[in-house]
Amino acid sequence: MRIGDLAARTGVSVRSLRYYEEQGLLGSIRSPGGQRRYAEADIERVAFIQRMYAAGLSSRTVAELLPCVDSPSAESTEAALDRMALERDRLDRHIAELLRTRDSLDALMAGVRAHRDQARAGGRVVACSAGSPAGIDTP
């Protein structure tokens, strides 16, 4: 299939598919006219690459994992498992950081709501704008 067909069937842009080739993640055969041609199996390969990107892996890391996908062996499997464990640990740290950020945002929102509710109870108007303190009383 041609690159446009692969793009349509995978939902990935033609530009991304070309990038995958540049990075050595995806291969194609050139037609006599120079057009890229892909196999049916490349649909699943692109889906795998997309899943790895969605998990936060870089092109370099995906390239390190592909030998295990292409031809699993005891050696490539162990190397891939080690690499995936490192990436999983990195993701766990990132998730923990995001949870802390969300908790801080929740606390800030609760404070602003409490300030707003107190001001409303006292008959004051509360304004809040980006770059200013959380609650500014205005007459």
Protein backbone atom coordinates (compact mmCIF):
# COMPACT_ATOMS: atom_id res chain seq x y z
CA MET A 1 0.00 0.00 0.00
CA ARG A 2 1.13 3.57 -0.57
CA ILE A 3 1.98 6.03 2.20
CA GLY A 4 -1.36 7.83 1.91
CA ASP A 5 -3.19 4.53 2.32
CA LEU A 6 -1.15 3.64 5.41
CA ALA A 7 -1.81 7.09 6.83
CA ALA A 8 -5.55 6.73 6.26
CA ARG A 9 -5.71 3.23 7.74
CA THR A 10 -3.71 4.13 10.85
CA GLY A 11 -4.86 7.70 11.46
CA VAL A 12 -1.24 8.84 11.41
CA SER A 13 -0.12 11.70 9.19
CA VAL A 14 2.04 11.12 6.13
CA ARG A 15 4.60 13.41 7.71
CA SER A 16 4.74 11.21 10.83
CA LEU A 17 5.19 8.09 8.72
CA ARG A 18 8.11 9.71 6.93
CA TYR A 19 9.57 10.65 10.31
CA TYR A 20 9.23 7.04 11.49
CA GLU A 21 11.23 5.97 8.46
CA GLU A 22 13.91 8.59 9.10
CA GLN A 23 14.22 7.29 12.66
CA GLY A 24 14.50 3.68 11.49
CA LEU A 25 11.20 2.68 13.11
CA LEU A 26 9.39 1.83 9.89
CA GLY A 27 10.63 0.53 6.58
CA SER A 28 9.24 0.66 3.09
CA ILE A 29 10.03 -0.69 -0.31
CA ARG A 30 10.34 1.81 -3.14
CA SER A 31 8.40 1.29 -6.33
CA PRO A 32 10.20 1.77 -9.66
CA GLY A 33 8.69 5.27 -9.63
CA GLY A 34 10.18 5.98 -6.20
CA GLN A 35 6.95 5.75 -4.23
CA ARG A 36 7.01 4.18 -0.79
CA ARG A 37 5.20 0.86 -0.49
CA TYR A 38 4.16 -0.71 2.82
CA ALA A 39 3.00 -4.17 3.86
CA GLU A 40 -0.22 -4.98 5.74
CA ALA A 41 1.92 -5.79 8.80
CA ASP A 42 3.02 -2.16 8.90
CA ILE A 43 -0.45 -1.18 10.11
CA GLU A 44 0.18 -3.01 13.40
CA ARG A 45 3.76 -1.69 13.55
CA VAL A 46 2.50 1.90 13.29
CA ALA A 47 -0.11 1.16 15.98
CA PHE A 48 2.68 -0.20 18.22
CA ILE A 49 4.82 2.90 17.60
CA GLN A 50 1.84 5.12 18.44
CA ARG A 51 1.21 3.22 21.69
CA MET A 52 4.85 3.67 22.67
CA TYR A 53 4.71 7.39 21.91
CA ALA A 54 1.46 7.69 23.87
CA ALA A 55 3.27 6.10 26.81
CA GLY A 56 5.85 8.89 26.61
CA LEU A 57 8.68 6.94 24.99
CA SER A 58 11.07 8.69 22.64
CA SER A 59 11.92 7.58 19.11
CA ARG A 60 15.26 6.40 20.41
CA THR A 61 13.65 4.21 23.07
CA VAL A 62 11.14 2.81 20.58
CA ALA A 63 14.05 1.96 18.27
CA GLU A 64 15.73 0.11 21.15
CA LEU A 65 12.57 -1.94 21.74
CA LEU A 66 11.79 -2.84 18.14
CA PRO A 67 14.36 -5.67 17.83
CA CYS A 68 12.39 -7.56 20.46
CA VAL A 69 9.22 -7.00 18.44
CA ASP A 70 10.86 -7.90 15.12
CA SER A 71 12.67 -11.07 16.20
CA PRO A 72 12.22 -12.01 19.83
CA SER A 73 15.15 -13.79 21.42
CA ALA A 74 16.23 -14.39 24.99
CA GLU A 75 18.81 -11.60 24.70
CA SER A 76 16.59 -9.02 23.01
CA THR A 77 13.71 -9.86 25.34
CA GLU A 78 15.78 -9.26 28.46
CA ALA A 79 17.17 -6.02 27.07
CA ALA A 80 13.68 -4.85 26.13
CA LEU A 81 12.29 -5.77 29.54
CA ASP A 82 15.09 -3.86 31.27
CA ARG A 83 14.46 -0.82 29.06
CA MET A 84 10.71 -0.99 29.59
CA ALA A 85 11.21 -1.21 33.37
CA LEU A 86 13.28 1.98 33.24
CA GLU A 87 10.57 3.71 31.23
CA ARG A 88 7.87 2.46 33.60
CA ASP A 89 9.81 3.88 36.56
CA ARG A 90 10.12 7.20 34.70
CA LEU A 91 6.37 7.19 34.04
CA ASP A 92 5.64 6.42 37.71
CA ARG A 93 7.73 9.44 38.74
CA HIS A 94 5.95 11.62 36.19
CA ILE A 95 2.53 10.40 37.34
CA ALA A 96 3.44 11.16 40.97
CA GLU A 97 4.53 14.66 39.92
CA LEU A 98 1.30 15.21 38.01
CA LEU A 99 -0.75 14.02 40.99
CA ARG A 100 1.09 16.49 43.26
CA THR A 101 0.41 19.26 40.76
CA ARG A 102 -3.28 18.32 40.56
CA ASP A 103 -3.53 18.24 44.36
CA SER A 104 -1.96 21.70 44.57
CA LEU A 105 -4.40 22.99 41.98
CA ASP A 106 -7.31 21.43 43.90
CA ALA A 107 -6.12 23.13 47.11
CA LEU A 108 -5.81 26.47 45.32
CA MET A 109 -9.28 26.10 43.84
CA ALA A 110 -10.72 25.25 47.27
CA GLY A 111 -9.09 28.34 48.75
CA VAL A 112 -10.42 30.59 46.02
CA ARG A 113 -13.92 29.12 46.38
CA ALA A 114 -13.84 29.62 50.15
CA HIS A 115 -12.69 33.22 49.69
CA ARG A 116 -15.40 33.79 47.10
CA ASP A 117 -18.08 32.28 49.35
CA GLN A 118 -16.98 34.39 52.32
CA ALA A 119 -17.02 37.52 50.22
CA ARG A 120 -20.48 36.75 48.84
CA ALA A 121 -21.78 36.15 52.35
CA GLY A 122 -20.43 39.58 53.32
CA GLY A 123 -21.97 41.27 50.27
CA ARG A 124 -18.65 42.00 48.58
CA VAL A 125 -17.69 41.30 44.96
CA VAL A 126 -14.57 39.20 44.49
CA ALA A 127 -12.43 39.52 41.39
CA CYS A 128 -9.67 37.15 40.44
CA SER A 129 -7.46 37.53 37.41
CA ALA A 130 -4.36 35.83 36.11
CA GLY A 131 -1.23 37.15 37.72
CA SER A 132 -3.01 38.62 40.73
CA PRO A 133 -3.53 37.19 44.19
CA ALA A 134 -6.25 34.54 44.43
CA GLY A 135 -8.98 36.84 45.67
CA ILE A 136 -9.09 40.61 45.39
CA ASP A 137 -11.98 42.33 47.08
CA THR A 138 -13.48 45.15 45.14
CA PRO A 139 -16.11 47.56 46.47
